[in-house]
Amino acid sequence: MKKLLLTAAVAGATGYAAYRLFQANQTAMEEKMLNKKLRRAWDREDFEELQEVVQELSTLEVKKLMNELAD
């Protein structure tokens, strides 16, 4: 019984670590996409889009901080 519980605990920890890694990778890809979008808006001097992208980046930063606090 102890062996089964230990196995379940290790599997749970491994699954959680994989989930956190996936989440971090997804956040990094989203940040990269937003940075590209920011550069394009800056080059076109599209201030409305710049404002939207800055808001999205701010939301992403809050999301990253929340993820760090969850650890």
Protein backbone atom coordinates (compact mmCIF):
# COMPACT_ATOMS: atom_id res chain seq x y z
CA MET A 1 0.00 0.00 0.00
CA LYS A 2 2.83 2.42 0.86
CA LYS A 3 4.52 1.66 -2.45
CA LEU A 4 1.30 2.42 -4.31
CA LEU A 5 0.89 5.74 -2.48
CA LEU A 6 4.51 6.67 -3.17
CA THR A 7 4.07 5.81 -6.85
CA ALA A 8 0.91 7.93 -7.01
CA ALA A 9 2.69 10.84 -5.30
CA VAL A 10 5.62 10.67 -7.74
CA ALA A 11 3.25 10.44 -10.71
CA GLY A 12 1.28 13.42 -9.42
CA ALA A 13 4.41 15.50 -8.88
CA THR A 14 5.71 14.57 -12.33
CA GLY A 15 2.38 15.47 -13.93
CA TYR A 16 2.28 18.80 -12.14
CA ALA A 17 5.87 19.60 -13.17
CA ALA A 18 5.01 18.78 -16.79
CA TYR A 19 1.93 21.00 -16.60
CA ARG A 20 3.95 23.92 -15.16
CA LEU A 21 6.59 23.47 -17.88
CA PHE A 22 3.89 23.47 -20.57
CA GLN A 23 2.32 26.57 -19.02
CA ALA A 24 5.68 28.39 -18.91
CA ASN A 25 6.38 27.47 -22.54
CA GLN A 26 2.95 28.67 -23.61
CA THR A 27 3.46 31.97 -21.78
CA ALA A 28 6.87 32.44 -23.41
CA MET A 29 5.39 31.86 -26.88
CA GLU A 30 2.58 34.31 -26.15
CA GLU A 31 5.09 36.91 -24.97
CA LYS A 32 7.20 36.43 -28.11
CA MET A 33 4.12 36.89 -30.32
CA LEU A 34 3.09 40.05 -28.45
CA ASN A 35 6.59 41.50 -28.75
CA LYS A 36 6.49 40.97 -32.53
CA LYS A 37 3.06 42.59 -32.64
CA LEU A 38 4.41 45.50 -30.59
CA ARG A 39 7.32 46.05 -32.99
CA ARG A 40 5.01 46.00 -36.02
CA ALA A 41 2.61 48.49 -34.43
CA TRP A 42 5.54 50.72 -33.46
CA ASP A 43 6.94 50.65 -37.01
CA ARG A 44 3.53 51.58 -38.45
CA GLU A 45 2.98 54.19 -35.72
CA ASP A 46 -0.42 52.63 -35.03
CA PHE A 47 -1.02 54.07 -31.59
CA GLU A 48 -4.36 52.34 -31.04
CA GLU A 49 -2.79 48.95 -31.66
CA LEU A 50 0.19 49.92 -29.51
CA GLN A 51 -2.16 50.66 -26.64
CA GLU A 52 -3.91 47.29 -27.09
CA VAL A 53 -0.62 45.38 -27.21
CA VAL A 54 0.73 47.15 -24.13
CA GLN A 55 -2.48 46.20 -22.30
CA GLU A 56 -2.09 42.57 -23.40
CA LEU A 57 1.56 42.56 -22.27
CA SER A 58 0.52 43.98 -18.90
CA THR A 59 -2.08 41.24 -18.53
CA LEU A 60 0.54 38.66 -19.45
CA GLU A 61 2.93 40.02 -16.81
CA VAL A 62 0.22 39.72 -14.17
CA LYS A 63 -0.45 36.16 -15.37
CA LYS A 64 3.27 35.33 -15.05
CA LEU A 65 3.40 36.76 -11.52
CA MET A 66 0.33 34.75 -10.53
CA ASN A 67 1.98 31.59 -11.90
CA GLU A 68 5.13 32.31 -9.89
CA LEU A 69 3.08 32.80 -6.74
CA ALA A 70 1.31 29.50 -7.41
CA ASP A 71 4.64 27.69 -7.14
